[in-house]
Amino acid sequence: KEKSHAFDHRLALDVLQRKCRHKGLSFSGPDDFLVPGKLAEAGVYWERDLQDQVPHLPEFREAVEDLRRLLREFLEG
């Protein structure tokens, strides 16, 4: 989010699409990357593992919503 001006969306999307093809995977949107079970698992460790490493750690829910929005923008080009 902070370095979006330097992020090459086209290159990253091309790499993601090629990698998915190579692995036989597909995706239709951001929620394909935000699987509820995996999010629940990550949420357990969010504050415990990151609070001493990240100043002003956002709430897990906020971070997931930001990620969902950024993924949507990324996947839409």
N, C-alpha and C. Protein backbone atom coordinates (compact mmCIF):
# COMPACT_ATOMS: atom_id res chain seq x y z
N LYS A 1 0.83 -1.18 0.00
CA LYS A 1 0.00 0.00 0.00
C LYS A 1 0.88 1.24 0.00
N GLU A 2 1.93 1.23 0.81
CA GLU A 2 2.80 2.40 0.91
C GLU A 2 3.69 2.57 -0.31
N LYS A 3 3.97 1.51 -1.02
CA LYS A 3 4.89 1.57 -2.17
C LYS A 3 4.15 1.34 -3.48
N SER A 4 2.87 1.63 -3.52
CA SER A 4 2.07 1.34 -4.71
C SER A 4 2.56 2.08 -5.95
N HIS A 5 3.18 3.23 -5.77
CA HIS A 5 3.69 3.99 -6.91
C HIS A 5 4.82 3.26 -7.62
N ALA A 6 5.53 2.38 -6.91
CA ALA A 6 6.66 1.67 -7.50
C ALA A 6 6.31 0.24 -7.90
N PHE A 7 5.07 -0.14 -7.71
CA PHE A 7 4.63 -1.51 -7.98
C PHE A 7 4.19 -1.64 -9.43
N ASP A 8 4.78 -2.56 -10.15
CA ASP A 8 4.43 -2.78 -11.55
C ASP A 8 3.29 -3.80 -11.61
N HIS A 9 2.06 -3.30 -11.66
CA HIS A 9 0.88 -4.16 -11.64
C HIS A 9 0.85 -5.14 -12.80
N ARG A 10 1.16 -4.66 -13.99
CA ARG A 10 1.11 -5.54 -15.17
C ARG A 10 2.09 -6.69 -15.06
N LEU A 11 3.30 -6.40 -14.65
CA LEU A 11 4.31 -7.45 -14.51
C LEU A 11 3.89 -8.46 -13.44
N ALA A 12 3.46 -7.97 -12.29
CA ALA A 12 3.06 -8.86 -11.20
C ALA A 12 1.87 -9.72 -11.59
N LEU A 13 0.89 -9.14 -12.27
CA LEU A 13 -0.27 -9.91 -12.70
C LEU A 13 0.13 -10.95 -13.74
N ASP A 14 1.01 -10.58 -14.64
CA ASP A 14 1.50 -11.53 -15.64
C ASP A 14 2.20 -12.70 -14.96
N VAL A 15 3.05 -12.42 -13.98
CA VAL A 15 3.77 -13.48 -13.26
C VAL A 15 2.77 -14.36 -12.52
N LEU A 16 1.80 -13.76 -11.85
CA LEU A 16 0.79 -14.53 -11.12
C LEU A 16 0.01 -15.44 -12.07
N GLN A 17 -0.42 -14.92 -13.20
CA GLN A 17 -1.19 -15.72 -14.16
C GLN A 17 -0.35 -16.88 -14.70
N ARG A 18 0.92 -16.62 -15.03
CA ARG A 18 1.78 -17.68 -15.55
C ARG A 18 2.03 -18.75 -14.49
N LYS A 19 2.25 -18.33 -13.26
CA LYS A 19 2.49 -19.28 -12.18
C LYS A 19 1.24 -20.14 -11.94
N CYS A 20 0.08 -19.52 -11.95
CA CYS A 20 -1.16 -20.28 -11.77
C CYS A 20 -1.36 -21.28 -12.90
N ARG A 21 -1.11 -20.86 -14.14
CA ARG A 21 -1.22 -21.79 -15.27
C ARG A 21 -0.26 -22.96 -15.09
N HIS A 22 0.96 -22.67 -14.69
CA HIS A 22 1.97 -23.71 -14.50
C HIS A 22 1.54 -24.71 -13.43
N LYS A 23 0.92 -24.21 -12.37
CA LYS A 23 0.49 -25.06 -11.26
C LYS A 23 -0.90 -25.64 -11.46
N GLY A 24 -1.57 -25.26 -12.57
CA GLY A 24 -2.92 -25.76 -12.81
C GLY A 24 -3.95 -25.14 -11.89
N LEU A 25 -3.72 -23.92 -11.47
CA LEU A 25 -4.63 -23.22 -10.57
C LEU A 25 -5.36 -22.12 -11.32
N SER A 26 -6.48 -21.72 -10.78
CA SER A 26 -7.20 -20.59 -11.35
C SER A 26 -7.71 -19.73 -10.20
N PHE A 27 -8.09 -18.53 -10.54
CA PHE A 27 -8.67 -17.64 -9.55
C PHE A 27 -9.68 -16.75 -10.24
N SER A 28 -10.70 -16.37 -9.48
CA SER A 28 -11.72 -15.50 -10.06
C SER A 28 -11.82 -14.16 -9.34
N GLY A 29 -11.15 -14.06 -8.21
CA GLY A 29 -11.19 -12.81 -7.47
C GLY A 29 -10.42 -12.90 -6.18
N PRO A 30 -10.41 -11.81 -5.41
CA PRO A 30 -9.63 -11.73 -4.18
C PRO A 30 -9.98 -12.80 -3.16
N ASP A 31 -11.23 -13.19 -3.10
CA ASP A 31 -11.63 -14.16 -2.09
C ASP A 31 -11.03 -15.53 -2.32
N ASP A 32 -10.55 -15.80 -3.54
CA ASP A 32 -9.87 -17.06 -3.80
C ASP A 32 -8.55 -17.13 -3.03
N PHE A 33 -8.00 -15.97 -2.67
CA PHE A 33 -6.74 -15.91 -1.94
C PHE A 33 -6.97 -15.73 -0.44
N LEU A 34 -8.19 -15.43 -0.05
CA LEU A 34 -8.51 -15.15 1.34
C LEU A 34 -9.46 -16.22 1.87
N VAL A 35 -8.96 -17.41 1.99
CA VAL A 35 -9.75 -18.58 2.41
C VAL A 35 -10.08 -18.46 3.90
N PRO A 36 -11.36 -18.56 4.26
CA PRO A 36 -11.75 -18.35 5.67
C PRO A 36 -10.94 -19.17 6.68
N GLY A 37 -10.70 -20.43 6.42
CA GLY A 37 -9.94 -21.25 7.37
C GLY A 37 -8.52 -20.76 7.57
N LYS A 38 -7.89 -20.36 6.48
CA LYS A 38 -6.53 -19.84 6.56
C LYS A 38 -6.50 -18.47 7.24
N LEU A 39 -7.53 -17.65 6.99
CA LEU A 39 -7.61 -16.36 7.67
C LEU A 39 -7.79 -16.53 9.17
N ALA A 40 -8.62 -17.47 9.56
CA ALA A 40 -8.83 -17.73 10.98
C ALA A 40 -7.52 -18.16 11.64
N GLU A 41 -6.77 -19.00 10.95
CA GLU A 41 -5.48 -19.45 11.47
C GLU A 41 -4.51 -18.28 11.60
N ALA A 42 -4.44 -17.43 10.58
CA ALA A 42 -3.55 -16.27 10.62
C ALA A 42 -3.96 -15.30 11.72
N GLY A 43 -5.26 -15.15 11.91
CA GLY A 43 -5.77 -14.23 12.93
C GLY A 43 -5.32 -14.60 14.33
N VAL A 44 -5.16 -15.88 14.58
CA VAL A 44 -4.73 -16.35 15.90
C VAL A 44 -3.33 -15.81 16.23
N TYR A 45 -2.49 -15.74 15.24
CA TYR A 45 -1.10 -15.35 15.47
C TYR A 45 -0.81 -13.87 15.19
N TRP A 46 -1.75 -13.15 14.62
CA TRP A 46 -1.54 -11.78 14.17
C TRP A 46 -0.91 -10.90 15.24
N GLU A 47 -1.61 -10.67 16.30
CA GLU A 47 -1.12 -9.75 17.32
C GLU A 47 0.03 -10.37 18.10
N ARG A 48 -0.10 -11.62 18.46
CA ARG A 48 0.94 -12.27 19.27
C ARG A 48 2.31 -12.24 18.59
N ASP A 49 2.34 -12.52 17.30
CA ASP A 49 3.61 -12.64 16.60
C ASP A 49 4.10 -11.33 15.99
N LEU A 50 3.21 -10.36 15.78
CA LEU A 50 3.62 -9.15 15.08
C LEU A 50 3.68 -7.89 15.94
N GLN A 51 3.05 -7.90 17.10
CA GLN A 51 2.95 -6.67 17.88
C GLN A 51 4.30 -6.08 18.25
N ASP A 52 5.32 -6.89 18.43
CA ASP A 52 6.64 -6.37 18.78
C ASP A 52 7.49 -6.03 17.56
N GLN A 53 7.00 -6.37 16.37
CA GLN A 53 7.77 -6.14 15.14
C GLN A 53 7.22 -5.00 14.29
N VAL A 54 5.94 -4.71 14.45
CA VAL A 54 5.29 -3.72 13.60
C VAL A 54 4.71 -2.59 14.46
N PRO A 55 5.30 -1.40 14.33
CA PRO A 55 4.72 -0.29 15.09
C PRO A 55 3.32 0.04 14.55
N HIS A 56 2.41 0.32 15.41
CA HIS A 56 1.04 0.67 15.03
C HIS A 56 0.38 -0.47 14.23
N LEU A 57 0.48 -1.66 14.75
CA LEU A 57 -0.11 -2.82 14.09
C LEU A 57 -1.62 -2.63 13.97
N PRO A 58 -2.15 -2.70 12.75
CA PRO A 58 -3.60 -2.56 12.59
C PRO A 58 -4.32 -3.79 13.12
N GLU A 59 -5.59 -3.63 13.36
CA GLU A 59 -6.41 -4.79 13.74
C GLU A 59 -6.40 -5.77 12.57
N PHE A 60 -6.45 -7.05 12.88
CA PHE A 60 -6.41 -8.08 11.85
C PHE A 60 -7.53 -7.88 10.83
N ARG A 61 -8.72 -7.60 11.31
CA ARG A 61 -9.87 -7.39 10.43
C ARG A 61 -9.62 -6.26 9.43
N GLU A 62 -9.03 -5.17 9.91
CA GLU A 62 -8.71 -4.04 9.04
C GLU A 62 -7.68 -4.44 7.99
N ALA A 63 -6.66 -5.18 8.41
CA ALA A 63 -5.62 -5.60 7.48
C ALA A 63 -6.19 -6.51 6.39
N VAL A 64 -7.10 -7.39 6.76
CA VAL A 64 -7.72 -8.29 5.78
C VAL A 64 -8.57 -7.49 4.80
N GLU A 65 -9.32 -6.52 5.29
CA GLU A 65 -10.14 -5.70 4.40
C GLU A 65 -9.27 -4.88 3.45
N ASP A 66 -8.15 -4.33 3.97
CA ASP A 66 -7.22 -3.62 3.09
C ASP A 66 -6.65 -4.56 2.04
N LEU A 67 -6.27 -5.75 2.47
CA LEU A 67 -5.73 -6.73 1.53
C LEU A 67 -6.75 -7.11 0.47
N ARG A 68 -7.99 -7.30 0.89
CA ARG A 68 -9.07 -7.64 -0.05
C ARG A 68 -9.24 -6.53 -1.10
N ARG A 69 -9.23 -5.30 -0.64
CA ARG A 69 -9.36 -4.16 -1.56
C ARG A 69 -8.17 -4.07 -2.50
N LEU A 70 -6.96 -4.21 -1.96
CA LEU A 70 -5.76 -4.14 -2.79
C LEU A 70 -5.71 -5.29 -3.80
N LEU A 71 -6.12 -6.47 -3.38
CA LEU A 71 -6.17 -7.60 -4.31
C LEU A 71 -7.18 -7.35 -5.43
N ARG A 72 -8.33 -6.79 -5.07
CA ARG A 72 -9.36 -6.49 -6.07
C ARG A 72 -8.80 -5.50 -7.10
N GLU A 73 -8.16 -4.44 -6.61
CA GLU A 73 -7.56 -3.45 -7.53
C GLU A 73 -6.48 -4.09 -8.39
N PHE A 74 -5.66 -4.92 -7.79
CA PHE A 74 -4.58 -5.58 -8.50
C PHE A 74 -5.12 -6.50 -9.59
N LEU A 75 -6.10 -7.32 -9.25
CA LEU A 75 -6.62 -8.30 -10.19
C LEU A 75 -7.42 -7.65 -11.31
N GLU A 76 -7.97 -6.48 -11.04
CA GLU A 76 -8.73 -5.77 -12.07
C GLU A 76 -7.80 -4.94 -12.96
N GLY A 77 -6.54 -4.82 -12.57
CA GLY A 77 -5.56 -4.08 -13.38
C GLY A 77 -5.62 -2.63 -13.08
